[in-house]
All heavy atoms as atom14 arrays in JSON, in Angstrom:
{
  "sequence": "SACGYEVCQLVGAKVEEAGWQRIKKLLPENA",
  "atom14_mask": [
    [1, 1, 1, 1, 1, 1, 0, 0, 0, 0, 0, 0, 0, 0],
    [1, 1, 1, 1, 1, 0, 0, 0, 0, 0, 0, 0, 0, 0],
    [1, 1, 1, 1, 1, 1, 0, 0, 0, 0, 0, 0, 0, 0],
    [1, 1, 1, 1, 0, 0, 0, 0, 0, 0, 0, 0, 0, 0],
    [1, 1, 1, 1, 1, 1, 1, 1, 1, 1, 1, 1, 0, 0],
    [1, 1, 1, 1, 1, 1, 1, 1, 1, 0, 0, 0, 0, 0],
    [1, 1, 1, 1, 1, 1, 1, 0, 0, 0, 0, 0, 0, 0],
    [1, 1, 1, 1, 1, 1, 0, 0, 0, 0, 0, 0, 0, 0],
    [1, 1, 1, 1, 1, 1, 1, 1, 1, 0, 0, 0, 0, 0],
    [1, 1, 1, 1, 1, 1, 1, 1, 0, 0, 0, 0, 0, 0],
    [1, 1, 1, 1, 1, 1, 1, 0, 0, 0, 0, 0, 0, 0],
    [1, 1, 1, 1, 0, 0, 0, 0, 0, 0, 0, 0, 0, 0],
    [1, 1, 1, 1, 1, 0, 0, 0, 0, 0, 0, 0, 0, 0],
    [1, 1, 1, 1, 1, 1, 1, 1, 1, 0, 0, 0, 0, 0],
    [1, 1, 1, 1, 1, 1, 1, 0, 0, 0, 0, 0, 0, 0],
    [1, 1, 1, 1, 1, 1, 1, 1, 1, 0, 0, 0, 0, 0],
    [1, 1, 1, 1, 1, 1, 1, 1, 1, 0, 0, 0, 0, 0],
    [1, 1, 1, 1, 1, 0, 0, 0, 0, 0, 0, 0, 0, 0],
    [1, 1, 1, 1, 0, 0, 0, 0, 0, 0, 0, 0, 0, 0],
    [1, 1, 1, 1, 1, 1, 1, 1, 1, 1, 1, 1, 1, 1],
    [1, 1, 1, 1, 1, 1, 1, 1, 1, 0, 0, 0, 0, 0],
    [1, 1, 1, 1, 1, 1, 1, 1, 1, 1, 1, 0, 0, 0],
    [1, 1, 1, 1, 1, 1, 1, 1, 0, 0, 0, 0, 0, 0],
    [1, 1, 1, 1, 1, 1, 1, 1, 1, 0, 0, 0, 0, 0],
    [1, 1, 1, 1, 1, 1, 1, 1, 1, 0, 0, 0, 0, 0],
    [1, 1, 1, 1, 1, 1, 1, 1, 0, 0, 0, 0, 0, 0],
    [1, 1, 1, 1, 1, 1, 1, 1, 0, 0, 0, 0, 0, 0],
    [1, 1, 1, 1, 1, 1, 1, 0, 0, 0, 0, 0, 0, 0],
    [1, 1, 1, 1, 1, 1, 1, 1, 1, 0, 0, 0, 0, 0],
    [1, 1, 1, 1, 1, 1, 1, 1, 0, 0, 0, 0, 0, 0],
    [1, 1, 1, 1, 1, 0, 0, 0, 0, 0, 0, 0, 0, 0]
  ],
  "atom14_positions": [
    [[-65.29, -56.03, -206.22], [-64.75, -56.92, -205.15], [-65.92, -57.65, -204.5], [-65.72, -58.87, -204.09], [-64.07, -55.97, -204.11], [-62.91, -55.33, -204.62], [0.0, 0.0, 0.0], [0.0, 0.0, 0.0], [0.0, 0.0, 0.0], [0.0, 0.0, 0.0], [0.0, 0.0, 0.0], [0.0, 0.0, 0.0], [0.0, 0.0, 0.0], [0.0, 0.0, 0.0]],
    [[-67.07, -57.01, -204.32], [-68.17, -57.66, -203.72], [-68.63, -58.9, -204.54], [-68.9, -60.01, -204.15], [-69.29, -56.79, -203.46], [0.0, 0.0, 0.0], [0.0, 0.0, 0.0], [0.0, 0.0, 0.0], [0.0, 0.0, 0.0], [0.0, 0.0, 0.0], [0.0, 0.0, 0.0], [0.0, 0.0, 0.0], [0.0, 0.0, 0.0], [0.0, 0.0, 0.0]],
    [[-68.73, -58.74, -205.9], [-69.05, -59.83, -206.83], [-68.04, -60.95, -206.74], [-68.37, -62.1, -206.73], [-69.11, -59.32, -208.21], [-70.55, -58.13, -208.49], [0.0, 0.0, 0.0], [0.0, 0.0, 0.0], [0.0, 0.0, 0.0], [0.0, 0.0, 0.0], [0.0, 0.0, 0.0], [0.0, 0.0, 0.0], [0.0, 0.0, 0.0], [0.0, 0.0, 0.0]],
    [[-66.68, -60.59, -206.76], [-65.65, -61.58, -206.72], [-65.67, -62.35, -205.38], [-65.46, -63.55, -205.43], [0.0, 0.0, 0.0], [0.0, 0.0, 0.0], [0.0, 0.0, 0.0], [0.0, 0.0, 0.0], [0.0, 0.0, 0.0], [0.0, 0.0, 0.0], [0.0, 0.0, 0.0], [0.0, 0.0, 0.0], [0.0, 0.0, 0.0], [0.0, 0.0, 0.0]],
    [[-65.93, -61.64, -204.34], [-66.0, -62.24, -203.04], [-67.1, -63.26, -203.03], [-66.86, -64.45, -202.43], [-66.13, -61.18, -201.87], [-66.43, -61.81, -200.56], [-65.39, -62.43, -199.77], [-67.74, -61.86, -200.03], [-65.71, -63.03, -198.52], [-68.1, -62.4, -198.86], [-66.91, -62.99, -198.07], [-67.21, -63.63, -196.86], [0.0, 0.0, 0.0], [0.0, 0.0, 0.0]],
    [[-68.27, -62.83, -203.39], [-69.39, -63.72, -203.15], [-69.25, -65.0, -204.02], [-69.61, -66.13, -203.47], [-70.73, -63.02, -203.61], [-71.1, -61.86, -202.69], [-71.71, -62.46, -201.33], [-71.84, -63.66, -201.07], [-71.9, -61.61, -200.41], [0.0, 0.0, 0.0], [0.0, 0.0, 0.0], [0.0, 0.0, 0.0], [0.0, 0.0, 0.0], [0.0, 0.0, 0.0]],
    [[-68.68, -64.96, -205.22], [-68.54, -66.1, -206.07], [-67.53, -67.08, -205.53], [-67.59, -68.3, -205.72], [-68.38, -65.8, -207.45], [-66.87, -65.41, -207.7], [-68.72, -66.82, -208.39], [0.0, 0.0, 0.0], [0.0, 0.0, 0.0], [0.0, 0.0, 0.0], [0.0, 0.0, 0.0], [0.0, 0.0, 0.0], [0.0, 0.0, 0.0], [0.0, 0.0, 0.0]],
    [[-66.64, -66.57, -204.61], [-65.62, -67.37, -204.07], [-66.12, -68.25, -202.81], [-65.39, -69.08, -202.28], [-64.31, -66.53, -203.69], [-63.35, -66.0, -205.01], [0.0, 0.0, 0.0], [0.0, 0.0, 0.0], [0.0, 0.0, 0.0], [0.0, 0.0, 0.0], [0.0, 0.0, 0.0], [0.0, 0.0, 0.0], [0.0, 0.0, 0.0], [0.0, 0.0, 0.0]],
    [[-67.25, -67.96, -202.5], [-67.87, -68.57, -201.27], [-68.58, -69.77, -201.55], [-69.21, -70.43, -200.65], [-68.7, -67.62, -200.3], [-68.02, -66.3, -200.05], [-66.61, -66.6, -199.48], [-66.4, -67.24, -198.42], [-65.6, -65.96, -200.05], [0.0, 0.0, 0.0], [0.0, 0.0, 0.0], [0.0, 0.0, 0.0], [0.0, 0.0, 0.0], [0.0, 0.0, 0.0]],
    [[-68.66, -70.22, -202.71], [-69.26, -71.45, -203.11], [-68.55, -72.07, -204.36], [-67.69, -71.4, -204.95], [-70.8, -71.2, -203.46], [-71.17, -70.39, -204.71], [-72.68, -70.49, -205.0], [-70.73, -69.01, -204.7], [0.0, 0.0, 0.0], [0.0, 0.0, 0.0], [0.0, 0.0, 0.0], [0.0, 0.0, 0.0], [0.0, 0.0, 0.0], [0.0, 0.0, 0.0]],
    [[-68.92, -73.3, -204.75], [-68.26, -73.92, -205.9], [-69.03, -73.5, -207.15], [-70.16, -73.5, -207.24], [-68.4, -75.45, -205.67], [-67.87, -76.22, -206.89], [-67.57, -75.98, -204.46], [0.0, 0.0, 0.0], [0.0, 0.0, 0.0], [0.0, 0.0, 0.0], [0.0, 0.0, 0.0], [0.0, 0.0, 0.0], [0.0, 0.0, 0.0], [0.0, 0.0, 0.0]],
    [[-68.2, -73.13, -208.03], [-68.77, -72.75, -209.45], [-68.78, -71.16, -209.57], [-68.38, -70.4, -208.64], [0.0, 0.0, 0.0], [0.0, 0.0, 0.0], [0.0, 0.0, 0.0], [0.0, 0.0, 0.0], [0.0, 0.0, 0.0], [0.0, 0.0, 0.0], [0.0, 0.0, 0.0], [0.0, 0.0, 0.0], [0.0, 0.0, 0.0], [0.0, 0.0, 0.0]],
    [[-69.22, -70.77, -210.72], [-69.14, -69.35, -211.02], [-70.52, -68.71, -210.88], [-70.69, -67.58, -211.54], [-68.6, -69.12, -212.56], [0.0, 0.0, 0.0], [0.0, 0.0, 0.0], [0.0, 0.0, 0.0], [0.0, 0.0, 0.0], [0.0, 0.0, 0.0], [0.0, 0.0, 0.0], [0.0, 0.0, 0.0], [0.0, 0.0, 0.0], [0.0, 0.0, 0.0]],
    [[-71.38, -69.2, -210.26], [-72.77, -68.63, -209.98], [-72.87, -68.15, -208.61], [-72.63, -68.81, -207.58], [-73.86, -69.69, -210.43], [-73.86, -70.17, -211.78], [-74.35, -69.1, -212.76], [-74.58, -69.69, -214.16], [-73.25, -70.0, -214.87], [0.0, 0.0, 0.0], [0.0, 0.0, 0.0], [0.0, 0.0, 0.0], [0.0, 0.0, 0.0], [0.0, 0.0, 0.0]],
    [[-73.42, -66.93, -208.42], [-73.61, -66.35, -207.11], [-75.14, -66.63, -206.84], [-76.04, -66.52, -207.63], [-73.45, -64.86, -207.1], [-73.84, -64.1, -205.78], [-71.98, -64.52, -207.4], [0.0, 0.0, 0.0], [0.0, 0.0, 0.0], [0.0, 0.0, 0.0], [0.0, 0.0, 0.0], [0.0, 0.0, 0.0], [0.0, 0.0, 0.0], [0.0, 0.0, 0.0]],
    [[-75.3, -67.11, -205.62], [-76.65, -67.4, -205.13], [-77.51, -66.12, -204.86], [-76.86, -65.05, -204.82], [-76.75, -68.33, -203.91], [-76.14, -69.68, -204.18], [-75.98, -70.46, -202.89], [-76.01, -69.84, -201.74], [-75.9, -71.69, -202.92], [0.0, 0.0, 0.0], [0.0, 0.0, 0.0], [0.0, 0.0, 0.0], [0.0, 0.0, 0.0], [0.0, 0.0, 0.0]],
    [[-78.87, -66.21, -204.93], [-79.71, -64.97, -204.77], [-79.29, -64.27, -203.48], [-79.34, -63.0, -203.61], [-81.17, -65.46, -204.75], [-82.18, -64.28, -204.73], [-81.94, -63.22, -205.81], [-81.49, -63.58, -206.93], [-82.17, -62.03, -205.47], [0.0, 0.0, 0.0], [0.0, 0.0, 0.0], [0.0, 0.0, 0.0], [0.0, 0.0, 0.0], [0.0, 0.0, 0.0]],
    [[-79.1, -64.91, -202.45], [-78.86, -64.22, -201.14], [-77.55, -63.28, -201.36], [-77.4, -62.31, -200.71], [-78.62, -65.16, -199.97], [0.0, 0.0, 0.0], [0.0, 0.0, 0.0], [0.0, 0.0, 0.0], [0.0, 0.0, 0.0], [0.0, 0.0, 0.0], [0.0, 0.0, 0.0], [0.0, 0.0, 0.0], [0.0, 0.0, 0.0], [0.0, 0.0, 0.0]],
    [[-76.64, -63.93, -202.11], [-75.34, -63.26, -202.42], [-75.52, -61.91, -203.14], [-75.04, -60.88, -202.94], [0.0, 0.0, 0.0], [0.0, 0.0, 0.0], [0.0, 0.0, 0.0], [0.0, 0.0, 0.0], [0.0, 0.0, 0.0], [0.0, 0.0, 0.0], [0.0, 0.0, 0.0], [0.0, 0.0, 0.0], [0.0, 0.0, 0.0], [0.0, 0.0, 0.0]],
    [[-76.51, -62.06, -204.21], [-76.89, -60.86, -204.97], [-77.53, -59.9, -204.25], [-77.26, -58.62, -204.38], [-77.77, -61.31, -206.28], [-77.03, -61.96, -207.32], [-77.07, -63.22, -207.87], [-75.79, -61.39, -208.08], [-76.18, -63.46, -208.78], [-75.4, -62.39, -208.97], [-75.2, -60.25, -208.02], [-74.24, -62.23, -209.86], [-74.13, -59.94, -208.82], [-73.68, -60.88, -209.78]],
    [[-78.33, -60.27, -203.35], [-78.97, -59.32, -202.27], [-77.95, -58.5, -201.64], [-78.08, -57.3, -201.35], [-80.08, -60.0, -201.53], [-81.2, -60.53, -202.26], [-81.97, -59.5, -203.13], [-82.24, -58.38, -202.69], [-82.28, -59.91, -204.38], [0.0, 0.0, 0.0], [0.0, 0.0, 0.0], [0.0, 0.0, 0.0], [0.0, 0.0, 0.0], [0.0, 0.0, 0.0]],
    [[-76.99, -59.22, -201.07], [-75.96, -58.49, -200.27], [-75.15, -57.59, -201.23], [-74.88, -56.42, -200.83], [-74.98, -59.54, -199.66], [-75.57, -60.32, -198.57], [-74.57, -61.09, -197.75], [-73.99, -62.29, -198.7], [-74.6, -63.36, -198.62], [-75.63, -63.73, -197.83], [-74.1, -64.46, -199.37], [0.0, 0.0, 0.0], [0.0, 0.0, 0.0], [0.0, 0.0, 0.0]],
    [[-74.87, -58.05, -202.41], [-74.14, -57.12, -203.38], [-74.92, -55.87, -203.66], [-74.44, -54.76, -203.74], [-73.8, -57.89, -204.64], [-72.82, -59.05, -204.3], [-73.3, -56.99, -205.73], [-72.66, -59.95, -205.46], [0.0, 0.0, 0.0], [0.0, 0.0, 0.0], [0.0, 0.0, 0.0], [0.0, 0.0, 0.0], [0.0, 0.0, 0.0], [0.0, 0.0, 0.0]],
    [[-76.19, -56.08, -203.95], [-77.06, -54.93, -204.37], [-77.28, -53.77, -203.34], [-77.49, -52.65, -203.68], [-78.35, -55.43, -204.89], [-78.35, -56.14, -206.18], [-79.72, -56.71, -206.63], [-79.61, -57.42, -207.9], [-80.86, -58.03, -208.35], [0.0, 0.0, 0.0], [0.0, 0.0, 0.0], [0.0, 0.0, 0.0], [0.0, 0.0, 0.0], [0.0, 0.0, 0.0]],
    [[-76.86, -54.18, -202.15], [-77.03, -53.19, -201.03], [-75.96, -52.19, -201.25], [-75.94, -51.04, -200.66], [-76.75, -53.84, -199.6], [-78.06, -54.68, -199.24], [-77.83, -55.27, -197.89], [-78.94, -56.2, -197.46], [-78.8, -56.8, -196.14], [0.0, 0.0, 0.0], [0.0, 0.0, 0.0], [0.0, 0.0, 0.0], [0.0, 0.0, 0.0], [0.0, 0.0, 0.0]],
    [[-74.95, -52.42, -202.12], [-73.81, -51.53, -202.31], [-74.15, -50.53, -203.41], [-73.38, -49.44, -203.64], [-72.54, -52.31, -202.8], [-71.89, -53.21, -201.84], [-70.76, -53.92, -202.33], [-71.5, -52.49, -200.4], [0.0, 0.0, 0.0], [0.0, 0.0, 0.0], [0.0, 0.0, 0.0], [0.0, 0.0, 0.0], [0.0, 0.0, 0.0], [0.0, 0.0, 0.0]],
    [[-75.29, -50.83, -204.21], [-75.64, -49.89, -205.34], [-76.16, -48.56, -204.66], [-76.72, -48.54, -203.62], [-76.78, -50.51, -206.08], [-76.38, -51.85, -206.79], [-77.52, -52.28, -207.55], [-75.07, -51.75, -207.52], [0.0, 0.0, 0.0], [0.0, 0.0, 0.0], [0.0, 0.0, 0.0], [0.0, 0.0, 0.0], [0.0, 0.0, 0.0], [0.0, 0.0, 0.0]],
    [[-75.78, -47.39, -205.33], [-76.21, -46.06, -204.67], [-77.47, -45.95, -204.21], [-77.81, -45.31, -203.29], [-75.83, -45.09, -205.88], [-74.79, -45.87, -206.65], [-75.11, -47.36, -206.55], [0.0, 0.0, 0.0], [0.0, 0.0, 0.0], [0.0, 0.0, 0.0], [0.0, 0.0, 0.0], [0.0, 0.0, 0.0], [0.0, 0.0, 0.0], [0.0, 0.0, 0.0]],
    [[-78.46, -46.58, -205.05], [-79.93, -46.27, -204.56], [-80.22, -46.94, -203.29], [-81.29, -46.8, -202.62], [-80.87, -46.73, -205.76], [-80.66, -48.25, -206.13], [-79.85, -48.32, -207.32], [-78.88, -47.47, -207.49], [-79.99, -49.33, -208.08], [0.0, 0.0, 0.0], [0.0, 0.0, 0.0], [0.0, 0.0, 0.0], [0.0, 0.0, 0.0], [0.0, 0.0, 0.0]],
    [[-79.41, -47.94, -202.95], [-79.57, -48.77, -201.66], [-78.73, -48.28, -200.59], [-78.7, -48.87, -199.52], [-79.45, -50.19, -201.95], [-80.48, -50.76, -202.85], [-81.61, -50.36, -202.81], [-80.13, -51.61, -203.88], [0.0, 0.0, 0.0], [0.0, 0.0, 0.0], [0.0, 0.0, 0.0], [0.0, 0.0, 0.0], [0.0, 0.0, 0.0], [0.0, 0.0, 0.0]],
    [[-77.8, -47.43, -200.94], [-76.7, -46.94, -199.94], [-77.41, -46.09, -198.92], [-78.42, -45.39, -199.04], [-75.69, -46.36, -200.64], [0.0, 0.0, 0.0], [0.0, 0.0, 0.0], [0.0, 0.0, 0.0], [0.0, 0.0, 0.0], [0.0, 0.0, 0.0], [0.0, 0.0, 0.0], [0.0, 0.0, 0.0], [0.0, 0.0, 0.0], [0.0, 0.0, 0.0]]
  ]
}
């Protein structure tokens, strides 16, 4: 859901680096 949300916030199918940083906060080692 996080990956799908971030890619919908800009044009195209690429998530920007700031978006990946937000997504990675959900990974267990960052939780």
